């Protein structure tokens, strides 16, 4: 368990100690001073002393006793959030150091969603293996979960996407930065034998979703479902979601069997598209997702730069230029 010394003076208080903030966070996590002491290896007396000193410095109560142990006051919760960030950064530093000891600076842990793994990222990793000595560990993961792991320092980079209909759905903290490489249009997946496909093949016009308000819908991951609902609301209807899966092959099978229609990214149709379904363009300017790479702020390692450059080169073949970065 890492322990810290005092830092410099701040406005209104002296020598605010990062260890005390971490201790406050641990009190919140474990629900009592004794439980926090057991979990961290401090004595309960030491925990109590740190808490008392921090309350004296702040000039207010940070902890309240209750029937189940203790709970934090409003200012206590505010300071505990900073303690959580401090603990997270120390854990991240320890992990980075261990990773360097084991693999050197050329090993990268990357997270990416399935549709991007099978196309853009697969080609990128092939190019990296041929042109550099970077060793990559890849795990498939949707953006919300990937962001959480990045915040904990458990990955070096994550390929994420942001839907045009819900640009603020993902919450990216100040410790992370994202660079968008291009846009991936969304497509309406329908049976080739259906009326929508026949109409599209006749006139070639993007499909107006308002005409599909009575259809059953197949949703994807949490973010994808939020996008579907948002786009449907813009077309003045509530989608009747009857199935949910983040497996695009399963989605295509369900569509082919007439169990619903779906909105999918174009990238997901490039590696595999059943002969009996069709992916139609959508008449909605927000029917697009931006694809980018998430890294930790201040991570200037050469391997991260090489990964970014490699993705940019491949993105030009799969994505259209970003219209509104």
C-alpha atoms as a PDB file:
ATOM      1  CA  UNK A   1       0.000   0.000   0.000  1.00  0.00           C
ATOM      2  CA  UNK A   2       1.581   3.257  -1.126  1.00  0.00           C
ATOM      3  CA  UNK A   3       1.938   6.032   1.454  1.00  0.00           C
ATOM      4  CA  UNK A   4       2.508   9.675   0.756  1.00  0.00           C
ATOM      5  CA  UNK A   5       4.089  12.722   2.327  1.00  0.00           C
ATOM      6  CA  UNK A   6       2.646  16.221   2.584  1.00  0.00           C
ATOM      7  CA  UNK A   7       2.337  18.562  -0.367  1.00  0.00           C
ATOM      8  CA  UNK A   8       2.696  22.322  -0.520  1.00  0.00           C
ATOM      9  CA  UNK A   9       0.315  24.845   0.972  1.00  0.00           C
ATOM     10  CA  UNK A  10      -3.043  25.427  -0.673  1.00  0.00           C
ATOM     11  CA  UNK A  11      -5.582  28.190  -0.387  1.00  0.00           C
ATOM     12  CA  UNK A  12      -7.165  28.179   3.086  1.00  0.00           C
ATOM     13  CA  UNK A  13      -5.308  25.161   4.465  1.00  0.00           C
ATOM     14  CA  UNK A  14      -1.762  24.005   5.071  1.00  0.00           C
ATOM     15  CA  UNK A  15       0.092  20.886   4.025  1.00  0.00           C
ATOM     16  CA  UNK A  16      -2.880  18.928   2.660  1.00  0.00           C
ATOM     17  CA  UNK A  17      -1.565  15.380   2.687  1.00  0.00           C
ATOM     18  CA  UNK A  18      -2.470  13.101  -0.247  1.00  0.00           C
ATOM     19  CA  UNK A  19      -2.257  10.062   2.060  1.00  0.00           C
ATOM     20  CA  UNK A  20      -5.052  11.527   4.181  1.00  0.00           C
ATOM     21  CA  UNK A  21      -7.236  11.913   1.095  1.00  0.00           C
ATOM     22  CA  UNK A  22      -6.616   8.291   0.146  1.00  0.00           C
ATOM     23  CA  UNK A  23      -7.431   7.257   3.715  1.00  0.00           C
ATOM     24  CA  UNK A  24     -10.705   9.192   3.516  1.00  0.00           C
ATOM     25  CA  UNK A  25     -11.556   7.378   0.295  1.00  0.00           C
ATOM     26  CA  UNK A  26     -10.785   4.032   1.954  1.00  0.00           C
ATOM     27  CA  UNK A  27     -13.098   4.913   4.854  1.00  0.00           C
ATOM     28  CA  UNK A  28     -15.855   5.509   2.314  1.00  0.00           C
ATOM     29  CA  UNK A  29     -15.050   2.277   0.438  1.00  0.00           C
ATOM     30  CA  UNK A  30     -15.035   0.017   3.495  1.00  0.00           C
ATOM     31  CA  UNK A  31     -17.698   1.751   5.588  1.00  0.00           C
ATOM     32  CA  UNK A  32     -15.804   2.101   8.868  1.00  0.00           C
ATOM     33  CA  UNK A  33     -12.448   3.138  10.289  1.00  0.00           C
ATOM     34  CA  UNK A  34     -11.692  -0.376  11.524  1.00  0.00           C
ATOM     35  CA  UNK A  35     -12.488  -1.941   8.136  1.00  0.00           C
ATOM     36  CA  UNK A  36     -10.329   0.648   6.360  1.00  0.00           C
ATOM     37  CA  UNK A  37      -7.491  -0.125   8.784  1.00  0.00           C
ATOM     38  CA  UNK A  38      -7.718  -3.867   8.128  1.00  0.00           C
ATOM     39  CA  UNK A  39      -7.782  -3.377   4.356  1.00  0.00           C
ATOM     40  CA  UNK A  40      -4.842  -0.975   4.196  1.00  0.00           C
ATOM     41  CA  UNK A  41      -2.537  -2.287   6.894  1.00  0.00           C
ATOM     42  CA  UNK A  42      -2.727   0.815   9.081  1.00  0.00           C
ATOM     43  CA  UNK A  43      -3.759   0.612  12.723  1.00  0.00           C
ATOM     44  CA  UNK A  44      -7.186   1.971  13.582  1.00  0.00           C
ATOM     45  CA  UNK A  45      -5.486   4.578  15.771  1.00  0.00           C
ATOM     46  CA  UNK A  46      -3.451   5.792  12.774  1.00  0.00           C
ATOM     47  CA  UNK A  47      -6.586   6.004  10.633  1.00  0.00           C
ATOM     48  CA  UNK A  48      -8.372   7.980  13.355  1.00  0.00           C
ATOM     49  CA  UNK A  49      -5.402  10.315  13.732  1.00  0.00           C
ATOM     50  CA  UNK A  50      -5.250  11.031   9.998  1.00  0.00           C
ATOM     51  CA  UNK A  51      -8.972  11.723   9.879  1.00  0.00           C
ATOM     52  CA  UNK A  52      -8.835  14.035  12.899  1.00  0.00           C
ATOM     53  CA  UNK A  53      -5.929  16.015  11.444  1.00  0.00           C
ATOM     54  CA  UNK A  54      -7.636  16.344   8.062  1.00  0.00           C
ATOM     55  CA  UNK A  55     -10.848  17.594   9.691  1.00  0.00           C
ATOM     56  CA  UNK A  56      -8.843  20.147  11.659  1.00  0.00           C
ATOM     57  CA  UNK A  57      -7.161  21.384   8.488  1.00  0.00           C
ATOM     58  CA  UNK A  58     -10.453  21.612   6.624  1.00  0.00           C
ATOM     59  CA  UNK A  59     -12.369  23.160   9.502  1.00  0.00           C
ATOM     60  CA  UNK A  60     -15.379  20.874   9.073  1.00  0.00           C
ATOM     61  CA  UNK A  61     -16.644  17.380   9.770  1.00  0.00           C
ATOM     62  CA  UNK A  62     -15.791  14.886   7.048  1.00  0.00           C
ATOM     63  CA  UNK A  63     -17.271  11.733   8.590  1.00  0.00           C
ATOM     64  CA  UNK A  64     -20.539  11.023  10.412  1.00  0.00           C
ATOM     65  CA  UNK A  65     -21.203   7.938  12.514  1.00  0.00           C
ATOM     66  CA  UNK A  66     -24.322   5.865  11.848  1.00  0.00           C
ATOM     67  CA  UNK A  67     -25.825   2.534  12.872  1.00  0.00           C
ATOM     68  CA  UNK A  68     -23.802   0.648  10.255  1.00  0.00           C
ATOM     69  CA  UNK A  69     -20.445   2.373  10.750  1.00  0.00           C
ATOM     70  CA  UNK A  70     -19.646   5.760   9.242  1.00  0.00           C
ATOM     71  CA  UNK A  71     -20.625   7.798   6.194  1.00  0.00           C
ATOM     72  CA  UNK A  72     -18.954  10.794   4.595  1.00  0.00           C
ATOM     73  CA  UNK A  73     -20.375  14.295   4.701  1.00  0.00           C
ATOM     74  CA  UNK A  74     -20.687  16.355   1.517  1.00  0.00           C
ATOM     75  CA  UNK A  75     -17.191  17.898   1.874  1.00  0.00           C
ATOM     76  CA  UNK A  76     -15.870  14.473   2.832  1.00  0.00           C
ATOM     77  CA  UNK A  77     -17.208  12.968  -0.385  1.00  0.00           C
ATOM     78  CA  UNK A  78     -15.631  15.788  -2.374  1.00  0.00           C
ATOM     79  CA  UNK A  79     -12.201  15.133  -0.875  1.00  0.00           C
ATOM     80  CA  UNK A  80     -12.625  11.352  -1.157  1.00  0.00           C
ATOM     81  CA  UNK A  81     -12.988  11.682  -4.943  1.00  0.00           C
ATOM     82  CA  UNK A  82      -9.530  13.257  -5.030  1.00  0.00           C
ATOM     83  CA  UNK A  83      -8.225  10.458  -2.846  1.00  0.00           C
ATOM     84  CA  UNK A  84      -9.605   7.930  -5.312  1.00  0.00           C
ATOM     85  CA  UNK A  85      -7.816   9.678  -8.185  1.00  0.00           C
ATOM     86  CA  UNK A  86      -4.543   9.750  -6.244  1.00  0.00           C
ATOM     87  CA  UNK A  87      -4.789   6.034  -5.462  1.00  0.00           C
ATOM     88  CA  UNK A  88      -5.654   5.271  -9.083  1.00  0.00           C
ATOM     89  CA  UNK A  89      -2.634   7.160 -10.413  1.00  0.00           C
ATOM     90  CA  UNK A  90      -0.295   5.393  -7.976  1.00  0.00           C
ATOM     91  CA  UNK A  91      -1.715   2.011  -9.043  1.00  0.00           C
ATOM     92  CA  UNK A  92      -1.258   3.058 -12.655  1.00  0.00           C
ATOM     93  CA  UNK A  93       2.352   4.069 -12.013  1.00  0.00           C
ATOM     94  CA  UNK A  94       3.082   0.747 -10.311  1.00  0.00           C
ATOM     95  CA  UNK A  95       1.506  -1.147 -13.213  1.00  0.00           C
ATOM     96  CA  UNK A  96       3.445   0.841 -15.806  1.00  0.00           C
ATOM     97  CA  UNK A  97       6.706   0.193 -13.992  1.00  0.00           C
ATOM     98  CA  UNK A  98       6.006  -3.533 -13.736  1.00  0.00           C
ATOM     99  CA  UNK A  99       5.012  -3.646 -17.400  1.00  0.00           C
ATOM    100  CA  UNK A 100       8.280  -1.947 -18.334  1.00  0.00           C
ATOM    101  CA  UNK A 101      10.266  -4.421 -16.252  1.00  0.00           C
ATOM    102  CA  UNK A 102       8.570  -7.372 -17.938  1.00  0.00           C
ATOM    103  CA  UNK A 103       8.255  -6.202 -21.542  1.00  0.00           C
ATOM    104  CA  UNK A 104      10.083  -2.907 -21.986  1.00  0.00           C
ATOM    105  CA  UNK A 105       8.373   0.134 -23.486  1.00  0.00           C
ATOM    106  CA  UNK A 106       7.238  -1.544 -26.717  1.00  0.00           C
ATOM    107  CA  UNK A 107       4.401  -3.626 -25.252  1.00  0.00           C
ATOM    108  CA  UNK A 108       0.928  -2.066 -25.538  1.00  0.00           C
ATOM    109  CA  UNK A 109      -2.385  -3.195 -24.056  1.00  0.00           C
ATOM    110  CA  UNK A 110      -5.201  -2.120 -26.403  1.00  0.00           C
ATOM    111  CA  UNK A 111      -8.978  -2.262 -26.020  1.00  0.00           C
ATOM    112  CA  UNK A 112     -11.390  -2.074 -28.968  1.00  0.00           C
ATOM    113  CA  UNK A 113     -15.018  -2.934 -29.846  1.00  0.00           C
ATOM    114  CA  UNK A 114     -15.688  -5.969 -32.084  1.00  0.00           C
ATOM    115  CA  UNK A 115     -16.680  -4.066 -35.245  1.00  0.00           C
ATOM    116  CA  UNK A 116     -13.409  -2.128 -35.180  1.00  0.00           C
ATOM    117  CA  UNK A 117     -11.275  -5.141 -34.190  1.00  0.00           C
ATOM    118  CA  UNK A 118     -12.280  -7.132 -37.270  1.00  0.00           C
ATOM    119  CA  UNK A 119     -11.565  -4.390 -39.789  1.00  0.00           C
ATOM    120  CA  UNK A 120      -9.608  -1.216 -39.079  1.00  0.00           C
ATOM    121  CA  UNK A 121      -7.634  -2.501 -36.089  1.00  0.00           C
ATOM    122  CA  UNK A 122      -6.866  -5.906 -37.595  1.00  0.00           C
ATOM    123  CA  UNK A 123      -5.183  -4.260 -40.585  1.00  0.00           C
ATOM    124  CA  UNK A 124      -3.383  -1.822 -38.272  1.00  0.00           C
ATOM    125  CA  UNK A 125      -1.936  -4.616 -36.128  1.00  0.00           C
ATOM    126  CA  UNK A 126      -0.747  -6.498 -39.197  1.00  0.00           C
ATOM    127  CA  UNK A 127       1.100  -3.379 -40.388  1.00  0.00           C
ATOM    128  CA  UNK A 128       2.584  -2.785 -36.921  1.00  0.00           C
ATOM    129  CA  UNK A 129       3.899  -6.350 -36.710  1.00  0.00           C
ATOM    130  CA  UNK A 130       5.598  -5.981 -40.087  1.00  0.00           C
ATOM    131  CA  UNK A 131       7.055  -2.506 -39.617  1.00  0.00           C
ATOM    132  CA  UNK A 132       7.839  -2.187 -35.871  1.00  0.00           C
ATOM    133  CA  UNK A 133       8.858  -4.246 -32.844  1.00  0.00           C
ATOM    134  CA  UNK A 134       5.735  -3.215 -30.891  1.00  0.00           C
ATOM    135  CA  UNK A 135       4.086  -6.135 -29.101  1.00  0.00           C
ATOM    136  CA  UNK A 136       0.301  -5.738 -28.728  1.00  0.00           C
ATOM    137  CA  UNK A 137      -2.189  -7.394 -26.389  1.00  0.00           C
ATOM    138  CA  UNK A 138      -5.746  -6.851 -27.665  1.00  0.00           C
ATOM    139  CA  UNK A 139      -9.002  -7.242 -25.723  1.00  0.00           C
ATOM    140  CA  UNK A 140     -12.442  -6.668 -27.250  1.00  0.00           C
ATOM    141  CA  UNK A 141     -14.412  -4.137 -25.219  1.00  0.00           C
ATOM    142  CA  UNK A 142     -17.129  -1.521 -25.766  1.00  0.00           C
ATOM    143  CA  UNK A 143     -16.293   2.166 -25.086  1.00  0.00           C
ATOM    144  CA  UNK A 144     -17.864   2.685 -21.616  1.00  0.00           C
ATOM    145  CA  UNK A 145     -16.012  -0.294 -20.125  1.00  0.00           C
ATOM    146  CA  UNK A 146     -12.820   0.608 -21.997  1.00  0.00           C
ATOM    147  CA  UNK A 147     -12.875   4.131 -20.570  1.00  0.00           C
ATOM    148  CA  UNK A 148     -13.201   2.760 -17.042  1.00  0.00           C
ATOM    149  CA  UNK A 149     -10.206   0.462 -17.526  1.00  0.00           C
ATOM    150  CA  UNK A 150      -8.175   3.305 -19.020  1.00  0.00           C
ATOM    151  CA  UNK A 151      -8.984   5.471 -16.003  1.00  0.00           C
ATOM    152  CA  UNK A 152      -7.669   2.696 -13.747  1.00  0.00           C
ATOM    153  CA  UNK A 153      -4.451   2.434 -15.743  1.00  0.00           C
ATOM    154  CA  UNK A 154      -5.242  -1.104 -16.912  1.00  0.00           C
ATOM    155  CA  UNK A 155      -4.684  -0.408 -20.621  1.00  0.00           C
ATOM    156  CA  UNK A 156      -2.410   1.787 -22.736  1.00  0.00           C
ATOM    157  CA  UNK A 157      -4.906   2.732 -25.450  1.00  0.00           C
ATOM    158  CA  UNK A 158      -8.518   2.129 -26.408  1.00  0.00           C
ATOM    159  CA  UNK A 159     -10.241   2.476 -29.754  1.00  0.00           C
ATOM    160  CA  UNK A 160     -13.636   4.035 -29.064  1.00  0.00           C
ATOM    161  CA  UNK A 161     -16.519   5.498 -31.000  1.00  0.00           C
ATOM    162  CA  UNK A 162     -18.885   8.411 -30.391  1.00  0.00           C
ATOM    163  CA  UNK A 163     -22.323   8.548 -32.009  1.00  0.00           C
ATOM    164  CA  UNK A 164     -23.400  11.767 -33.694  1.00  0.00           C
ATOM    165  CA  UNK A 165     -26.862  11.530 -32.117  1.00  0.00           C
ATOM    166  CA  UNK A 166     -25.487  11.324 -28.539  1.00  0.00           C
ATOM    167  CA  UNK A 167     -22.090  13.102 -28.593  1.00  0.00           C
ATOM    168  CA  UNK A 168     -22.015  13.534 -24.795  1.00  0.00           C
ATOM    169  CA  UNK A 169     -22.967   9.946 -23.878  1.00  0.00           C
ATOM    170  CA  UNK A 170     -19.373   8.981 -23.063  1.00  0.00           C
ATOM    171  CA  UNK A 171     -17.689  10.658 -20.087  1.00  0.00           C
ATOM    172  CA  UNK A 172     -13.951  11.076 -20.622  1.00  0.00           C
ATOM    173  CA  UNK A 173     -11.991  12.502 -17.685  1.00  0.00           C
ATOM    174  CA  UNK A 174      -9.193  15.037 -17.755  1.00  0.00           C
ATOM    175  CA  UNK A 175      -6.561  12.321 -17.337  1.00  0.00           C
ATOM    176  CA  UNK A 176      -7.457  10.911 -20.763  1.00  0.00           C
ATOM    177  CA  UNK A 177      -7.328  12.345 -24.271  1.00  0.00           C
ATOM    178  CA  UNK A 178      -9.027  11.202 -27.457  1.00  0.00           C
ATOM    179  CA  UNK A 179      -8.034  11.738 -31.081  1.00  0.00           C
ATOM    180  CA  UNK A 180     -10.673  11.004 -33.721  1.00  0.00           C
ATOM    181  CA  UNK A 181      -9.467   9.542 -37.013  1.00  0.00           C
ATOM    182  CA  UNK A 182     -12.616   9.506 -39.117  1.00  0.00           C
ATOM    183  CA  UNK A 183     -16.329   8.804 -39.372  1.00  0.00           C
ATOM    184  CA  UNK A 184     -18.121   5.505 -39.844  1.00  0.00           C
ATOM    185  CA  UNK A 185     -21.617   5.914 -41.402  1.00  0.00           C
ATOM    186  CA  UNK A 186     -24.489   3.966 -39.865  1.00  0.00           C
ATOM    187  CA  UNK A 187     -26.568   1.638 -41.986  1.00  0.00           C
ATOM    188  CA  UNK A 188     -30.105   0.262 -41.697  1.00  0.00           C
ATOM    189  CA  UNK A 189     -29.981  -3.522 -41.802  1.00  0.00           C
ATOM    190  CA  UNK A 190     -33.108  -5.043 -43.391  1.00  0.00           C
ATOM    191  CA  UNK A 191     -34.067  -8.313 -45.160  1.00  0.00           C
ATOM    192  CA  UNK A 192     -33.293  -8.165 -48.875  1.00  0.00           C
ATOM    193  CA  UNK A 193     -36.742  -9.569 -49.643  1.00  0.00           C
ATOM    194  CA  UNK A 194     -38.581  -6.834 -47.705  1.00  0.00           C
ATOM    195  CA  UNK A 195     -40.273  -3.644 -48.912  1.00  0.00           C
ATOM    196  CA  UNK A 196     -37.594  -1.319 -47.537  1.00  0.00           C
ATOM    197  CA  UNK A 197     -34.821  -3.115 -49.440  1.00  0.00           C
ATOM    198  CA  UNK A 198     -36.880  -3.258 -52.643  1.00  0.00           C
ATOM    199  CA  UNK A 199     -37.625   0.475 -52.467  1.00  0.00           C
ATOM    200  CA  UNK A 200     -33.954   1.296 -51.829  1.00  0.00           C
ATOM    201  CA  UNK A 201     -32.771  -0.875 -54.722  1.00  0.00           C
ATOM    202  CA  UNK A 202     -35.245   0.912 -57.003  1.00  0.00           C
ATOM    203  CA  UNK A 203     -34.503   4.556 -56.135  1.00  0.00           C
ATOM    204  CA  UNK A 204     -31.144   4.362 -54.294  1.00  0.00           C
ATOM    205  CA  UNK A 205     -32.306   6.985 -51.788  1.00  0.00           C
ATOM    206  CA  UNK A 206     -31.395   6.931 -48.062  1.00  0.00           C
ATOM    207  CA  UNK A 207     -34.160   5.459 -45.901  1.00  0.00           C
ATOM    208  CA  UNK A 208     -36.390   7.754 -43.838  1.00  0.00           C
ATOM    209  CA  UNK A 209     -36.652   6.105 -40.415  1.00  0.00           C
ATOM    210  CA  UNK A 210     -39.970   7.840 -39.742  1.00  0.00           C
ATOM    211  CA  UNK A 211     -41.551   5.339 -42.134  1.00  0.00           C
ATOM    212  CA  UNK A 212     -40.416   2.452 -39.905  1.00  0.00           C
ATOM    213  CA  UNK A 213     -42.132   3.405 -36.651  1.00  0.00           C
ATOM    214  CA  UNK A 214     -44.131   0.157 -36.538  1.00  0.00           C
ATOM    215  CA  UNK A 215     -41.117  -2.142 -37.011  1.00  0.00           C
ATOM    216  CA  UNK A 216     -39.499  -4.347 -34.370  1.00  0.00           C
ATOM    217  CA  UNK A 217     -35.893  -3.391 -33.653  1.00  0.00           C
ATOM    218  CA  UNK A 218     -32.720  -5.274 -32.713  1.00  0.00           C
ATOM    219  CA  UNK A 219     -30.448  -3.216 -30.452  1.00  0.00           C
ATOM    220  CA  UNK A 220     -26.742  -3.587 -29.725  1.00  0.00           C
ATOM    221  CA  UNK A 221     -24.551  -2.639 -26.770  1.00  0.00           C
ATOM    222  CA  UNK A 222     -25.583  -0.015 -24.197  1.00  0.00           C
ATOM    223  CA  UNK A 223     -24.181   2.838 -26.273  1.00  0.00           C
ATOM    224  CA  UNK A 224     -25.654   1.468 -29.496  1.00  0.00           C
ATOM    225  CA  UNK A 225     -29.083   1.121 -27.925  1.00  0.00           C
ATOM    226  CA  UNK A 226     -28.926   4.724 -26.675  1.00  0.00           C
ATOM    227  CA  UNK A 227     -28.078   5.789 -30.227  1.00  0.00           C
ATOM    228  CA  UNK A 228     -31.021   3.825 -31.658  1.00  0.00           C
ATOM    229  CA  UNK A 229     -33.439   5.423 -29.189  1.00  0.00           C
ATOM    230  CA  UNK A 230     -32.053   8.914 -29.883  1.00  0.00           C
ATOM    231  CA  UNK A 231     -32.291   8.550 -33.668  1.00  0.00           C
ATOM    232  CA  UNK A 232     -35.809   7.129 -33.387  1.00  0.00           C
ATOM    233  CA  UNK A 233     -36.881  10.044 -31.201  1.00  0.00           C
ATOM    234  CA  UNK A 234     -35.604  12.463 -33.849  1.00  0.00           C
ATOM    235  CA  UNK A 235     -37.907  10.622 -36.263  1.00  0.00           C
ATOM    236  CA  UNK A 236     -40.802  11.034 -33.765  1.00  0.00           C
ATOM    237  CA  UNK A 237     -41.283   7.445 -32.627  1.00  0.00           C
ATOM    238  CA  UNK A 238     -40.335   5.122 -29.788  1.00  0.00           C
ATOM    239  CA  UNK A 239     -38.538   2.019 -31.115  1.00  0.00           C
ATOM    240  CA  UNK A 240     -40.017  -1.345 -30.182  1.00  0.00           C
ATOM    241  CA  UNK A 241     -36.821  -3.160 -29.160  1.00  0.00           C
ATOM    242  CA  UNK A 242     -37.514  -6.893 -29.129  1.00  0.00           C
ATOM    243  CA  UNK A 243     -33.935  -8.256 -29.159  1.00  0.00           C
ATOM    244  CA  UNK A 244     -30.539  -7.048 -27.983  1.00  0.00           C
ATOM    245  CA  UNK A 245     -27.114  -8.403 -28.934  1.00  0.00           C
ATOM    246  CA  UNK A 246     -23.652  -6.958 -29.503  1.00  0.00           C
ATOM    247  CA  UNK A 247     -22.801  -9.786 -31.931  1.00  0.00           C
ATOM    248  CA  UNK A 248     -23.261  -8.449 -35.461  1.00  0.00           C
ATOM    249  CA  UNK A 249     -23.458 -11.931 -36.977  1.00  0.00           C
ATOM    250  CA  UNK A 250     -26.355 -12.753 -34.654  1.00  0.00           C
ATOM    251  CA  UNK A 251     -27.949  -9.420 -35.585  1.00  0.00           C
ATOM    252  CA  UNK A 252     -27.778 -10.285 -39.277  1.00  0.00           C
ATOM    253  CA  UNK A 253     -29.273 -13.725 -38.642  1.00  0.00           C
ATOM    254  CA  UNK A 254     -32.181 -12.204 -36.698  1.00  0.00           C
ATOM    255  CA  UNK A 255     -32.799  -9.668 -39.468  1.00  0.00           C
ATOM    256  CA  UNK A 256     -32.665 -12.363 -42.140  1.00  0.00           C
ATOM    257  CA  UNK A 257     -35.259 -14.422 -40.214  1.00  0.00           C
ATOM    258  CA  UNK A 258     -37.615 -11.443 -40.100  1.00  0.00           C
ATOM    259  CA  UNK A 259     -37.374 -10.923 -36.333  1.00  0.00           C
ATOM    260  CA  UNK A 260     -36.552  -7.245 -36.598  1.00  0.00           C
ATOM    261  CA  UNK A 261     -34.403  -4.606 -38.283  1.00  0.00           C
ATOM    262  CA  UNK A 262     -31.334  -2.883 -36.908  1.00  0.00           C
ATOM    263  CA  UNK A 263     -28.970   0.073 -37.185  1.00  0.00           C
ATOM    264  CA  UNK A 264     -25.343  -1.029 -37.498  1.00  0.00           C
ATOM    265  CA  UNK A 265     -22.028   0.685 -38.302  1.00  0.00           C
ATOM    266  CA  UNK A 266     -20.777   0.299 -41.845  1.00  0.00           C
ATOM    267  CA  UNK A 267     -17.532  -1.207 -40.548  1.00  0.00           C
ATOM    268  CA  UNK A 268     -19.468  -4.180 -39.180  1.00  0.00           C
ATOM    269  CA  UNK A 269     -20.733  -5.013 -42.694  1.00  0.00           C
ATOM    270  CA  UNK A 270     -17.334  -4.925 -44.402  1.00  0.00           C
ATOM    271  CA  UNK A 271     -15.946  -8.152 -42.945  1.00  0.00           C
ATOM    272  CA  UNK A 272     -19.223 -10.064 -43.227  1.00  0.00           C
ATOM    273  CA  UNK A 273     -22.651  -9.364 -44.761  1.00  0.00           C
ATOM    274  CA  UNK A 274     -25.197 -12.088 -45.438  1.00  0.00           C
ATOM    275  CA  UNK A 275     -26.453 -12.378 -49.000  1.00  0.00           C
ATOM    276  CA  UNK A 276     -30.075 -12.182 -47.842  1.00  0.00           C
ATOM    277  CA  UNK A 277     -29.791  -8.866 -45.951  1.00  0.00           C
ATOM    278  CA  UNK A 278     -28.974  -5.374 -47.172  1.00  0.00           C
ATOM    279  CA  UNK A 279     -27.380  -2.387 -45.439  1.00  0.00           C
ATOM    280  CA  UNK A 280     -29.142   0.825 -46.531  1.00  0.00           C
ATOM    281  CA  UNK A 281     -27.967   4.398 -45.933  1.00  0.00           C
ATOM    282  CA  UNK A 282     -30.086   6.394 -43.472  1.00  0.00           C
ATOM    283  CA  UNK A 283     -31.688   9.782 -44.075  1.00  0.00           C
ATOM    284  CA  UNK A 284     -30.336  11.437 -40.944  1.00  0.00           C
ATOM    285  CA  UNK A 285     -27.236  13.608 -40.628  1.00  0.00           C
ATOM    286  CA  UNK A 286     -26.647  12.159 -37.148  1.00  0.00           C
ATOM    287  CA  UNK A 287     -26.509   8.573 -38.427  1.00  0.00           C
ATOM    288  CA  UNK A 288     -22.740   8.355 -38.047  1.00  0.00           C
ATOM    289  CA  UNK A 289     -20.154   7.525 -35.436  1.00  0.00           C
ATOM    290  CA  UNK A 290     -16.704   9.056 -35.010  1.00  0.00           C
ATOM    291  CA  UNK A 291     -13.889   6.563 -34.388  1.00  0.00           C
ATOM    292  CA  UNK A 292     -10.820   7.528 -32.400  1.00  0.00           C
ATOM    293  CA  UNK A 293      -8.070   6.430 -30.034  1.00  0.00           C
ATOM    294  CA  UNK A 294      -8.099   7.081 -26.298  1.00  0.00           C
ATOM    295  CA  UNK A 295      -4.780   7.438 -24.468  1.00  0.00           C
ATOM    296  CA  UNK A 296      -3.628   8.770 -21.132  1.00  0.00           C
ATOM    297  CA  UNK A 297      -2.877  12.482 -21.113  1.00  0.00           C
ATOM    298  CA  UNK A 298       0.859  13.102 -21.218  1.00  0.00           C
ATOM    299  CA  UNK A 299       1.711   9.621 -22.540  1.00  0.00           C
ATOM    300  CA  UNK A 300       4.460  10.547 -25.003  1.00  0.00           C
ATOM    301  CA  UNK A 301       5.943   7.083 -25.514  1.00  0.00           C
ATOM    302  CA  UNK A 302       7.225   6.441 -29.018  1.00  0.00           C
ATOM    303  CA  UNK A 303       5.157   3.254 -29.248  1.00  0.00           C
ATOM    304  CA  UNK A 304       1.927   5.207 -28.650  1.00  0.00           C
ATOM    305  CA  UNK A 305       2.869   7.627 -31.422  1.00  0.00           C
ATOM    306  CA  UNK A 306       3.614   4.757 -33.789  1.00  0.00           C
ATOM    307  CA  UNK A 307       0.257   3.150 -32.980  1.00  0.00           C
ATOM    308  CA  UNK A 308      -1.541   6.429 -33.683  1.00  0.00           C
ATOM    309  CA  UNK A 309       0.261   6.903 -37.002  1.00  0.00           C
ATOM    310  CA  UNK A 310      -0.498   3.323 -38.047  1.00  0.00           C
ATOM    311  CA  UNK A 311      -4.224   3.726 -37.321  1.00  0.00           C
ATOM    312  CA  UNK A 312      -4.364   7.016 -39.239  1.00  0.00           C
ATOM    313  CA  UNK A 313      -2.922   5.359 -42.338  1.00  0.00           C
ATOM    314  CA  UNK A 314      -5.442   2.515 -42.239  1.00  0.00           C
ATOM    315  CA  UNK A 315      -8.380   4.758 -41.278  1.00  0.00           C
ATOM    316  CA  UNK A 316      -8.182   6.492 -44.652  1.00  0.00           C
ATOM    317  CA  UNK A 317      -9.240   3.228 -46.316  1.00  0.00           C
ATOM    318  CA  UNK A 318     -12.163   2.520 -43.973  1.00  0.00           C
ATOM    319  CA  UNK A 319     -13.453   5.844 -42.644  1.00  0.00           C
ATOM    320  CA  UNK A 320     -14.541   9.100 -44.196  1.00  0.00           C
ATOM    321  CA  UNK A 321     -12.931  12.359 -42.958  1.00  0.00           C
ATOM    322  CA  UNK A 322     -14.254  13.784 -39.699  1.00  0.00           C
ATOM    323  CA  UNK A 323     -16.847  16.469 -40.454  1.00  0.00           C
ATOM    324  CA  UNK A 324     -17.118  17.862 -36.916  1.00  0.00           C
ATOM    325  CA  UNK A 325     -14.259  16.727 -34.663  1.00  0.00           C
END
